[in-house]
Amino acid sequence: MEEKFDYTAAMAELEAIARKVEDPQTSLDDIGGLVGRSKELVKGCRTYLRTVRETIENEEEEA
């Protein structure tokens, strides 16, 4: 069973990642991993938003 994407949680995690990347205490090795994770989250957010937009457009067409 596929886990439902949580857009709000993804955005919160992206904000936390941005804070960590901006922190001078964060090592370059850690930043690499954070950037990788942020790419996954952005991809998930884009897919989610595309799905929502398509759903809304389909509902408008049916109305």
PDB file of N, CA and C in Angstrom:
ATOM      1  N   MET A   1       0.846  -1.179   0.000  1.00  0.00           N
ATOM      2  CA  MET A   1       0.000   0.000   0.000  1.00  0.00           C
ATOM      3  C   MET A   1       0.894   1.246   0.000  1.00  0.00           C
ATOM      4  N   GLU A   2       0.604   2.165  -0.913  1.00  0.00           N
ATOM      5  CA  GLU A   2       1.421   3.364  -1.047  1.00  0.00           C
ATOM      6  C   GLU A   2       1.068   4.372   0.048  1.00  0.00           C
ATOM      7  N   GLU A   3       2.098   4.966   0.625  1.00  0.00           N
ATOM      8  CA  GLU A   3       1.898   5.944   1.673  1.00  0.00           C
ATOM      9  C   GLU A   3       1.440   7.261   1.061  1.00  0.00           C
ATOM     10  N   LYS A   4       0.447   7.902   1.669  1.00  0.00           N
ATOM     11  CA  LYS A   4      -0.075   9.173   1.169  1.00  0.00           C
ATOM     12  C   LYS A   4       0.965  10.273   1.404  1.00  0.00           C
ATOM     13  N   PHE A   5       1.198  11.081   0.370  1.00  0.00           N
ATOM     14  CA  PHE A   5       2.170  12.158   0.460  1.00  0.00           C
ATOM     15  C   PHE A   5       1.612  13.275   1.341  1.00  0.00           C
ATOM     16  N   ASP A   6       2.397  13.732   2.282  1.00  0.00           N
ATOM     17  CA  ASP A   6       1.993  14.809   3.196  1.00  0.00           C
ATOM     18  C   ASP A   6       2.710  16.090   2.769  1.00  0.00           C
ATOM     19  N   TYR A   7       2.009  16.908   2.000  1.00  0.00           N
ATOM     20  CA  TYR A   7       2.580  18.141   1.449  1.00  0.00           C
ATOM     21  C   TYR A   7       3.030  19.080   2.568  1.00  0.00           C
ATOM     22  N   THR A   8       2.215  19.237   3.593  1.00  0.00           N
ATOM     23  CA  THR A   8       2.543  20.142   4.694  1.00  0.00           C
ATOM     24  C   THR A   8       3.817  19.695   5.408  1.00  0.00           C
ATOM     25  N   ALA A   9       3.934  18.411   5.659  1.00  0.00           N
ATOM     26  CA  ALA A   9       5.134  17.888   6.316  1.00  0.00           C
ATOM     27  C   ALA A   9       6.356  18.060   5.424  1.00  0.00           C
ATOM     28  N   ALA A  10       6.181  17.845   4.120  1.00  0.00           N
ATOM     29  CA  ALA A  10       7.297  18.006   3.184  1.00  0.00           C
ATOM     30  C   ALA A  10       7.784  19.452   3.166  1.00  0.00           C
ATOM     31  N   MET A  11       6.854  20.398   3.159  1.00  0.00           N
ATOM     32  CA  MET A  11       7.238  21.813   3.164  1.00  0.00           C
ATOM     33  C   MET A  11       7.956  22.175   4.469  1.00  0.00           C
ATOM     34  N   ALA A  12       7.489  21.650   5.577  1.00  0.00           N
ATOM     35  CA  ALA A  12       8.142  21.903   6.862  1.00  0.00           C
ATOM     36  C   ALA A  12       9.557  21.331   6.861  1.00  0.00           C
ATOM     37  N   GLU A  13       9.711  20.138   6.295  1.00  0.00           N
ATOM     38  CA  GLU A  13      11.042  19.530   6.231  1.00  0.00           C
ATOM     39  C   GLU A  13      11.962  20.333   5.315  1.00  0.00           C
ATOM     40  N   LEU A  14      11.431  20.839   4.198  1.00  0.00           N
ATOM     41  CA  LEU A  14      12.237  21.670   3.304  1.00  0.00           C
ATOM     42  C   LEU A  14      12.704  22.949   4.007  1.00  0.00           C
ATOM     43  N   GLU A  15      11.832  23.539   4.794  1.00  0.00           N
ATOM     44  CA  GLU A  15      12.211  24.737   5.551  1.00  0.00           C
ATOM     45  C   GLU A  15      13.307  24.412   6.567  1.00  0.00           C
ATOM     46  N   ALA A  16      13.186  23.266   7.219  1.00  0.00           N
ATOM     47  CA  ALA A  16      14.212  22.850   8.181  1.00  0.00           C
ATOM     48  C   ALA A  16      15.540  22.592   7.476  1.00  0.00           C
ATOM     49  N   ILE A  17      15.485  21.981   6.308  1.00  0.00           N
ATOM     50  CA  ILE A  17      16.696  21.733   5.530  1.00  0.00           C
ATOM     51  C   ILE A  17      17.355  23.055   5.150  1.00  0.00           C
ATOM     52  N   ALA A  18      16.555  24.023   4.716  1.00  0.00           N
ATOM     53  CA  ALA A  18      17.102  25.329   4.334  1.00  0.00           C
ATOM     54  C   ALA A  18      17.835  25.964   5.514  1.00  0.00           C
ATOM     55  N   ARG A  19      17.255  25.870   6.705  1.00  0.00           N
ATOM     56  CA  ARG A  19      17.915  26.434   7.895  1.00  0.00           C
ATOM     57  C   ARG A  19      19.246  25.730   8.166  1.00  0.00           C
ATOM     58  N   LYS A  20      19.253  24.400   8.024  1.00  0.00           N
ATOM     59  CA  LYS A  20      20.481  23.641   8.270  1.00  0.00           C
ATOM     60  C   LYS A  20      21.562  23.993   7.250  1.00  0.00           C
ATOM     61  N   VAL A  21      21.170  24.130   5.983  1.00  0.00           N
ATOM     62  CA  VAL A  21      22.139  24.443   4.931  1.00  0.00           C
ATOM     63  C   VAL A  21      22.736  25.836   5.164  1.00  0.00           C
ATOM     64  N   GLU A  22      21.928  26.757   5.654  1.00  0.00           N
ATOM     65  CA  GLU A  22      22.402  28.119   5.914  1.00  0.00           C
ATOM     66  C   GLU A  22      23.256  28.217   7.174  1.00  0.00           C
ATOM     67  N   ASP A  23      23.196  27.215   8.024  1.00  0.00           N
ATOM     68  CA  ASP A  23      23.950  27.215   9.275  1.00  0.00           C
ATOM     69  C   ASP A  23      25.428  26.938   8.985  1.00  0.00           C
ATOM     70  N   PRO A  24      26.311  27.845   9.376  1.00  0.00           N
ATOM     71  CA  PRO A  24      27.741  27.638   9.112  1.00  0.00           C
ATOM     72  C   PRO A  24      28.319  26.404   9.825  1.00  0.00           C
ATOM     73  N   GLN A  25      27.636  25.889  10.814  1.00  0.00           N
ATOM     74  CA  GLN A  25      28.099  24.707  11.544  1.00  0.00           C
ATOM     75  C   GLN A  25      27.854  23.411  10.765  1.00  0.00           C
ATOM     76  N   THR A  26      27.022  23.466   9.732  1.00  0.00           N
ATOM     77  CA  THR A  26      26.702  22.269   8.953  1.00  0.00           C
ATOM     78  C   THR A  26      27.855  21.955   8.014  1.00  0.00           C
ATOM     79  N   SER A  27      28.327  20.715   8.052  1.00  0.00           N
ATOM     80  CA  SER A  27      29.465  20.318   7.222  1.00  0.00           C
ATOM     81  C   SER A  27      29.041  20.152   5.759  1.00  0.00           C
ATOM     82  N   LEU A  28      30.022  20.227   4.878  1.00  0.00           N
ATOM     83  CA  LEU A  28      29.750  20.050   3.454  1.00  0.00           C
ATOM     84  C   LEU A  28      29.206  18.654   3.163  1.00  0.00           C
ATOM     85  N   ASP A  29      29.691  17.660   3.888  1.00  0.00           N
ATOM     86  CA  ASP A  29      29.176  16.300   3.706  1.00  0.00           C
ATOM     87  C   ASP A  29      27.696  16.233   4.054  1.00  0.00           C
ATOM     88  N   ASP A  30      27.325  16.894   5.142  1.00  0.00           N
ATOM     89  CA  ASP A  30      25.918  16.915   5.540  1.00  0.00           C
ATOM     90  C   ASP A  30      25.072  17.674   4.524  1.00  0.00           C
ATOM     91  N   ILE A  31      25.605  18.759   3.990  1.00  0.00           N
ATOM     92  CA  ILE A  31      24.867  19.553   3.015  1.00  0.00           C
ATOM     93  C   ILE A  31      24.548  18.717   1.778  1.00  0.00           C
ATOM     94  N   GLY A  32      25.501  17.892   1.360  1.00  0.00           N
ATOM     95  CA  GLY A  32      25.261  17.014   0.214  1.00  0.00           C
ATOM     96  C   GLY A  32      24.050  16.124   0.427  1.00  0.00           C
ATOM     97  N   GLY A  33      23.953  15.530   1.588  1.00  0.00           N
ATOM     98  CA  GLY A  33      22.806  14.678   1.905  1.00  0.00           C
ATOM     99  C   GLY A  33      21.516  15.463   1.999  1.00  0.00           C
ATOM    100  N   LEU A  34      21.601  16.661   2.564  1.00  0.00           N
ATOM    101  CA  LEU A  34      20.417  17.507   2.703  1.00  0.00           C
ATOM    102  C   LEU A  34      19.890  17.949   1.334  1.00  0.00           C
ATOM    103  N   VAL A  35      20.806  18.256   0.441  1.00  0.00           N
ATOM    104  CA  VAL A  35      20.402  18.655  -0.911  1.00  0.00           C
ATOM    105  C   VAL A  35      19.718  17.481  -1.615  1.00  0.00           C
ATOM    106  N   GLY A  36      20.263  16.290  -1.433  1.00  0.00           N
ATOM    107  CA  GLY A  36      19.634  15.108  -2.018  1.00  0.00           C
ATOM    108  C   GLY A  36      18.227  14.898  -1.492  1.00  0.00           C
ATOM    109  N   ARG A  37      18.062  15.029  -0.201  1.00  0.00           N
ATOM    110  CA  ARG A  37      16.730  14.867   0.405  1.00  0.00           C
ATOM    111  C   ARG A  37      15.780  15.955  -0.087  1.00  0.00           C
ATOM    112  N   SER A  38      16.287  17.183  -0.209  1.00  0.00           N
ATOM    113  CA  SER A  38      15.419  18.268  -0.663  1.00  0.00           C
ATOM    114  C   SER A  38      14.947  18.018  -2.092  1.00  0.00           C
ATOM    115  N   LYS A  39      15.789  17.425  -2.931  1.00  0.00           N
ATOM    116  CA  LYS A  39      15.372  17.108  -4.302  1.00  0.00           C
ATOM    117  C   LYS A  39      14.214  16.108  -4.294  1.00  0.00           C
ATOM    118  N   GLU A  40      14.301  15.108  -3.411  1.00  0.00           N
ATOM    119  CA  GLU A  40      13.215  14.130  -3.289  1.00  0.00           C
ATOM    120  C   GLU A  40      11.918  14.807  -2.857  1.00  0.00           C
ATOM    121  N   LEU A  41      12.031  15.694  -1.877  1.00  0.00           N
ATOM    122  CA  LEU A  41      10.846  16.385  -1.368  1.00  0.00           C
ATOM    123  C   LEU A  41      10.226  17.306  -2.415  1.00  0.00           C
ATOM    124  N   VAL A  42      11.065  18.029  -3.139  1.00  0.00           N
ATOM    125  CA  VAL A  42      10.561  18.925  -4.178  1.00  0.00           C
ATOM    126  C   VAL A  42       9.846  18.122  -5.259  1.00  0.00           C
ATOM    127  N   LYS A  43      10.420  16.995  -5.632  1.00  0.00           N
ATOM    128  CA  LYS A  43       9.787  16.135  -6.634  1.00  0.00           C
ATOM    129  C   LYS A  43       8.415  15.673  -6.140  1.00  0.00           C
ATOM    130  N   GLY A  44       8.350  15.263  -4.886  1.00  0.00           N
ATOM    131  CA  GLY A  44       7.073  14.839  -4.311  1.00  0.00           C
ATOM    132  C   GLY A  44       6.058  15.963  -4.273  1.00  0.00           C
ATOM    133  N   CYS A  45       6.506  17.164  -3.933  1.00  0.00           N
ATOM    134  CA  CYS A  45       5.610  18.325  -3.885  1.00  0.00           C
ATOM    135  C   CYS A  45       5.080  18.651  -5.273  1.00  0.00           C
ATOM    136  N   ARG A  46       5.951  18.620  -6.258  1.00  0.00           N
ATOM    137  CA  ARG A  46       5.516  18.910  -7.634  1.00  0.00           C
ATOM    138  C   ARG A  46       4.479  17.891  -8.106  1.00  0.00           C
ATOM    139  N   THR A  47       4.731  16.629  -7.832  1.00  0.00           N
ATOM    140  CA  THR A  47       3.791  15.581  -8.228  1.00  0.00           C
ATOM    141  C   THR A  47       2.452  15.781  -7.532  1.00  0.00           C
ATOM    142  N   TYR A  48       2.512  16.063  -6.247  1.00  0.00           N
ATOM    143  CA  TYR A  48       1.290  16.292  -5.474  1.00  0.00           C
ATOM    144  C   TYR A  48       0.495  17.459  -6.038  1.00  0.00           C
ATOM    145  N   LEU A  49       1.171  18.589  -6.279  1.00  0.00           N
ATOM    146  CA  LEU A  49       0.486  19.779  -6.785  1.00  0.00           C
ATOM    147  C   LEU A  49      -0.075  19.539  -8.187  1.00  0.00           C
ATOM    148  N   ARG A  50       0.653  18.808  -9.019  1.00  0.00           N
ATOM    149  CA  ARG A  50       0.171  18.491 -10.363  1.00  0.00           C
ATOM    150  C   ARG A  50      -1.103  17.648 -10.265  1.00  0.00           C
ATOM    151  N   THR A  51      -1.113  16.695  -9.359  1.00  0.00           N
ATOM    152  CA  THR A  51      -2.282  15.834  -9.175  1.00  0.00           C
ATOM    153  C   THR A  51      -3.475  16.647  -8.686  1.00  0.00           C
ATOM    154  N   VAL A  52      -3.240  17.535  -7.742  1.00  0.00           N
ATOM    155  CA  VAL A  52      -4.326  18.373  -7.223  1.00  0.00           C
ATOM    156  C   VAL A  52      -4.882  19.253  -8.338  1.00  0.00           C
ATOM    157  N   ARG A  53      -3.992  19.858  -9.127  1.00  0.00           N
ATOM    158  CA  ARG A  53      -4.437  20.724 -10.225  1.00  0.00           C
ATOM    159  C   ARG A  53      -5.275  19.932 -11.225  1.00  0.00           C
ATOM    160  N   GLU A  54      -4.831  18.739 -11.584  1.00  0.00           N
ATOM    161  CA  GLU A  54      -5.572  17.909 -12.531  1.00  0.00           C
ATOM    162  C   GLU A  54      -6.938  17.521 -11.971  1.00  0.00           C
ATOM    163  N   THR A  55      -6.987  17.224 -10.681  1.00  0.00           N
ATOM    164  CA  THR A  55      -8.256  16.877 -10.043  1.00  0.00           C
ATOM    165  C   THR A  55      -9.218  18.052 -10.102  1.00  0.00           C
ATOM    166  N   ILE A  56      -8.735  19.237  -9.804  1.00  0.00           N
ATOM    167  CA  ILE A  56      -9.577  20.434  -9.840  1.00  0.00           C
ATOM    168  C   ILE A  56     -10.061  20.704 -11.258  1.00  0.00           C
ATOM    169  N   GLU A  57      -9.160  20.598 -12.232  1.00  0.00           N
ATOM    170  CA  GLU A  57      -9.541  20.829 -13.625  1.00  0.00           C
ATOM    171  C   GLU A  57     -10.597  19.821 -14.078  1.00  0.00           C
ATOM    172  N   ASN A  58     -10.452  18.568 -13.674  1.00  0.00           N
ATOM    173  CA  ASN A  58     -11.431  17.541 -14.034  1.00  0.00           C
ATOM    174  C   ASN A  58     -12.787  17.826 -13.395  1.00  0.00           C
ATOM    175  N   GLU A  59     -12.788  18.276 -12.168  1.00  0.00           N
ATOM    176  CA  GLU A  59     -14.033  18.599 -11.483  1.00  0.00           C
ATOM    177  C   GLU A  59     -14.707  19.787 -12.135  1.00  0.00           C
ATOM    178  N   GLU A  60     -13.928  20.776 -12.595  1.00  0.00           N
ATOM    179  CA  GLU A  60     -14.496  21.935 -13.265  1.00  0.00           C
ATOM    180  C   GLU A  60     -15.111  21.546 -14.597  1.00  0.00           C
ATOM    181  N   GLU A  61     -14.470  20.625 -15.312  1.00  0.00           N
ATOM    182  CA  GLU A  61     -14.990  20.162 -16.592  1.00  0.00           C
ATOM    183  C   GLU A  61     -16.309  19.412 -16.419  1.00  0.00           C
ATOM    184  N   GLU A  62     -16.432  18.676 -15.320  1.00  0.00           N
ATOM    185  CA  GLU A  62     -17.648  17.889 -15.064  1.00  0.00           C
ATOM    186  C   GLU A  62     -18.810  18.752 -14.589  1.00  0.00           C
ATOM    187  N   ALA A  63     -18.485  19.923 -14.048  1.00  0.00           N
ATOM    188  CA  ALA A  63     -19.539  20.793 -13.491  1.00  0.00           C
ATOM    189  C   ALA A  63     -20.323  21.514 -14.568  1.00  0.00           C
TER     190      ALA A  63
END
